[in-house]
Protein backbone atom coordinates (compact mmCIF):
# COMPACT_ATOMS: atom_id res chain seq x y z
CA MET A 1 28.12 5.55 2.16
CA GLN A 2 26.43 7.04 -1.56
CA LYS A 3 24.40 9.76 -2.19
CA PHE A 4 21.13 7.90 -3.13
CA ILE A 5 19.00 7.88 -6.63
CA ILE A 6 14.85 7.39 -4.83
CA ASN A 7 13.48 4.55 -7.25
CA ILE A 8 8.97 5.10 -7.01
CA THR A 9 7.83 2.97 -9.31
CA GLU A 10 4.07 3.22 -7.97
CA ALA A 11 1.58 5.65 -6.49
CA ASP A 12 1.94 5.35 -3.07
CA GLU A 13 5.43 5.69 -2.61
CA GLU A 14 6.84 8.54 -0.85
CA ILE A 15 8.87 11.39 -1.97
CA ILE A 16 12.28 10.61 0.35
CA LYS A 17 13.56 14.78 1.41
CA ASP A 18 17.04 14.15 2.48
CA GLU A 19 20.17 15.60 2.12
CA ARG A 20 21.52 11.93 0.98
CA ALA A 21 18.16 12.01 -1.59
CA VAL A 22 20.23 13.43 -4.72
CA CYS A 23 17.68 12.26 -6.86
CA HIS A 24 14.40 10.91 -7.89
CA VAL A 25 12.98 8.63 -10.80
CA LEU A 26 9.26 8.62 -11.60
CA ASN A 27 7.70 6.24 -12.97
CA SER A 28 6.15 7.85 -16.52
CA GLU A 29 3.93 5.21 -16.37
CA LEU A 30 1.51 6.78 -12.98
CA GLU A 31 -1.45 8.61 -13.65
CA ARG A 32 -0.67 12.94 -15.16
CA ASN A 33 -2.01 14.28 -11.35
CA CYS A 34 0.36 11.87 -9.82
CA LEU A 35 3.43 13.07 -11.94
CA GLN A 36 2.58 16.43 -11.10
CA SER A 37 2.13 16.63 -7.09
CA MET A 38 5.28 14.69 -7.00
CA VAL A 39 6.59 16.68 -9.40
CA GLY A 40 4.95 19.96 -7.38
CA ARG A 41 6.69 18.72 -4.10
CA LEU A 42 10.22 17.53 -5.33
CA LYS A 43 10.74 21.10 -7.25
CA GLU A 44 10.64 22.26 -3.27
CA THR A 45 13.95 20.14 -2.47
CA GLU A 46 17.08 20.01 -4.09
CA SER A 47 17.31 16.48 -5.42
CA LEU A 48 17.04 15.96 -9.33
CA VAL A 49 14.08 14.90 -11.28
CA LEU A 50 14.21 11.28 -13.76
CA PHE A 51 11.71 10.18 -15.16
CA SER A 52 11.48 6.63 -16.79
CA GLY A 53 9.85 3.78 -18.83
CA THR A 54 8.02 4.11 -21.49
CA LYS A 55 7.35 7.57 -21.85
CA ALA A 56 10.35 9.05 -20.57
CA THR A 57 11.56 11.78 -22.43
CA GLU A 58 7.51 13.07 -23.12
CA ALA A 59 7.35 13.04 -18.66
CA CYS A 60 10.67 14.80 -18.79
CA ARG A 61 9.23 17.74 -22.31
CA GLU A 62 5.79 18.06 -19.98
CA PHE A 63 6.98 18.37 -16.53
CA GLN A 64 10.16 20.15 -16.83
CA GLY A 65 12.13 17.00 -15.16
CA ASP A 66 15.85 16.94 -14.97
CA GLY A 67 16.90 14.16 -17.49
CA VAL A 68 16.09 10.05 -17.63
CA PHE A 69 16.64 6.90 -16.68
CA VAL A 70 16.91 4.78 -19.28
CA SER A 71 16.67 0.56 -18.83
CA VAL A 72 19.19 -1.12 -21.76
CA SER A 73 18.42 -4.59 -22.95
CA ALA A 74 21.39 -6.97 -23.97
CA ASP A 75 19.58 -8.09 -26.56
CA LYS A 76 19.96 -4.89 -28.99
CA PRO A 77 22.99 -2.79 -29.56
CA TYR A 78 23.46 -0.26 -26.67
CA LYS A 79 23.98 2.46 -28.62
CA LYS A 80 21.14 2.06 -30.74
CA GLN A 81 19.00 2.13 -27.55
CA ILE A 82 20.71 4.93 -26.03
CA LEU A 83 21.43 8.00 -28.69
CA PRO A 84 18.60 8.11 -29.85
CA VAL A 85 17.05 8.50 -26.21
CA ARG A 86 20.38 11.63 -26.01
CA ASP A 87 18.71 13.21 -29.03
CA ALA A 88 15.15 13.46 -27.53
CA ILE A 89 16.19 14.80 -24.57
CA GLY A 90 19.24 17.42 -25.30
CA ALA A 91 22.93 17.91 -24.59
CA LYS A 92 21.68 19.47 -21.17
CA LYS A 93 19.73 16.72 -19.46
CA VAL A 94 20.59 13.88 -17.71
CA LEU A 95 20.69 10.59 -18.93
CA GLY A 96 21.08 7.98 -16.55
CA VAL A 97 21.37 4.40 -18.70
CA GLU A 98 21.02 0.91 -15.96
CA ILE A 99 23.19 -1.40 -17.80
CA PRO A 100 23.58 -5.12 -17.24
CA LEU A 101 26.72 -6.68 -15.57
CA LEU A 102 28.95 -6.38 -18.42
CA ARG A 103 32.00 -4.91 -18.54
CA HIS A 104 31.37 -4.87 -22.37
CA ALA A 105 28.46 -3.12 -21.38
CA ALA A 106 30.59 -0.76 -19.15
CA MET A 107 32.62 0.10 -22.39
CA VAL A 108 30.06 0.00 -24.92
CA VAL A 109 27.47 1.80 -22.81
CA GLY A 110 30.23 4.37 -21.49
CA GLU A 111 31.62 5.82 -25.31
CA THR A 112 27.82 6.96 -25.61
CA GLU A 113 29.08 9.69 -22.45
CA PRO A 114 25.89 9.21 -20.39
CA ASP A 115 25.66 11.30 -17.08
CA PHE A 116 25.23 8.00 -15.04
CA MET A 117 25.70 4.57 -15.28
CA SER A 118 23.40 2.43 -13.15
CA PHE A 119 24.66 -0.86 -12.50
CA ARG A 120 21.79 -3.90 -12.34
CA ILE A 121 22.62 -6.50 -9.15
CA ASP A 122 19.38 -8.87 -9.06
CA SER A 123 21.47 -11.97 -6.93
CA ASN A 124 23.52 -11.39 -3.62
CA GLU A 125 25.40 -14.12 -5.55
CA ASP A 126 26.30 -12.14 -7.94
CA ILE A 127 27.42 -9.23 -4.78
CA ALA A 128 31.58 -10.28 -5.42
CA LYS A 129 30.95 -10.26 -9.52
CA ALA A 130 29.73 -7.07 -9.29
CA LYS A 131 33.13 -5.54 -6.52
CA GLU A 132 35.25 -6.60 -9.29
CA LEU A 133 33.23 -5.02 -12.19
CA LEU A 134 33.57 -1.92 -10.19
CA GLU A 135 37.25 -2.12 -9.35
CA TRP A 136 38.10 -2.74 -12.97
CA TYR A 137 35.53 0.17 -13.71
CA ASN A 138 36.96 3.06 -11.19
CA ASP A 139 40.39 2.19 -12.85
CA LEU A 140 40.08 3.24 -16.09
CA PHE A 141 36.45 5.98 -15.97
CA LEU A 142 35.06 8.75 -15.03
CA ILE A 143 31.48 8.33 -15.76
CA GLN A 144 29.69 7.61 -12.36
CA ILE A 145 28.39 4.54 -11.25
CA CYS A 146 24.91 3.36 -9.74
CA LEU A 147 24.21 0.43 -7.90
CA GLY A 148 20.02 -0.94 -7.94
CA GLY A 149 18.27 -4.17 -8.00
CA ALA A 150 16.34 -6.76 -5.75
CA ALA A 151 20.19 -7.13 -4.42
CA ASP A 152 20.58 -6.84 -0.36
CA CYS A 153 20.63 -2.96 -0.07
CA ALA A 154 23.16 -3.20 3.07
CA LYS A 155 25.42 -5.15 0.96
CA LEU A 156 25.86 -2.57 -2.15
CA SER A 157 26.28 0.27 0.49
CA ARG A 158 28.94 -1.06 1.20
CA LEU A 159 30.07 -1.61 -2.88
CA PRO A 160 32.98 1.28 -4.26
CA ALA A 161 29.62 3.65 -6.33
CA ASP A 162 28.75 6.55 -5.76
CA PHE A 163 25.26 6.03 -5.77
CA MET A 164 22.65 3.55 -4.96
CA MET A 165 19.58 3.26 -6.28
CA ILE A 166 16.96 2.10 -4.07
CA SER A 167 13.68 2.61 -3.37
CA PRO A 168 11.48 5.22 -0.30
CA ARG A 169 11.18 1.73 1.66
CA ASP A 170 14.28 0.26 1.30
CA PHE A 171 15.82 4.03 1.90
CA LYS A 172 14.18 3.75 5.41
CA ILE A 173 15.56 0.58 6.56
CA LEU A 174 19.24 1.52 5.21
CA VAL A 175 19.44 4.32 7.00
CA ALA A 176 17.56 3.66 10.67
């Protein structure tokens, strides 16, 4: 089974203290006090702390996070969205990039050398497409892959990926 990246988007979601939860992504739009509290609790674990959202790079600097997680839009050049983020956080910070379920996106984003790429799978109907794409990807590339989105996490867990990005609620359901 993959390792887990816990995606925290709301203030009332809990930190997962489990060796399988290797990273927590905190929404940079949460209140400063909430972020400060969560980061403090996460520093007591071995989990990486990444930030997502419009203030991710600023939150990473302010709270001394391990890096950022960004989503790219298919309607803009991928490199123009990613390279400024890499420059802003520096080469020693972790950069995770959420990309569309497309070979072209995987190739172009891979050229920017993120630490991991996350394919967003929002529909159970896309799981077969994801499986085919992951088999192709894993034969050619070394960048670690994460799966996330609204598709059934139990079905996603059967796909060949390094990580799954799920909510704390889904983590408890999946590993129970």
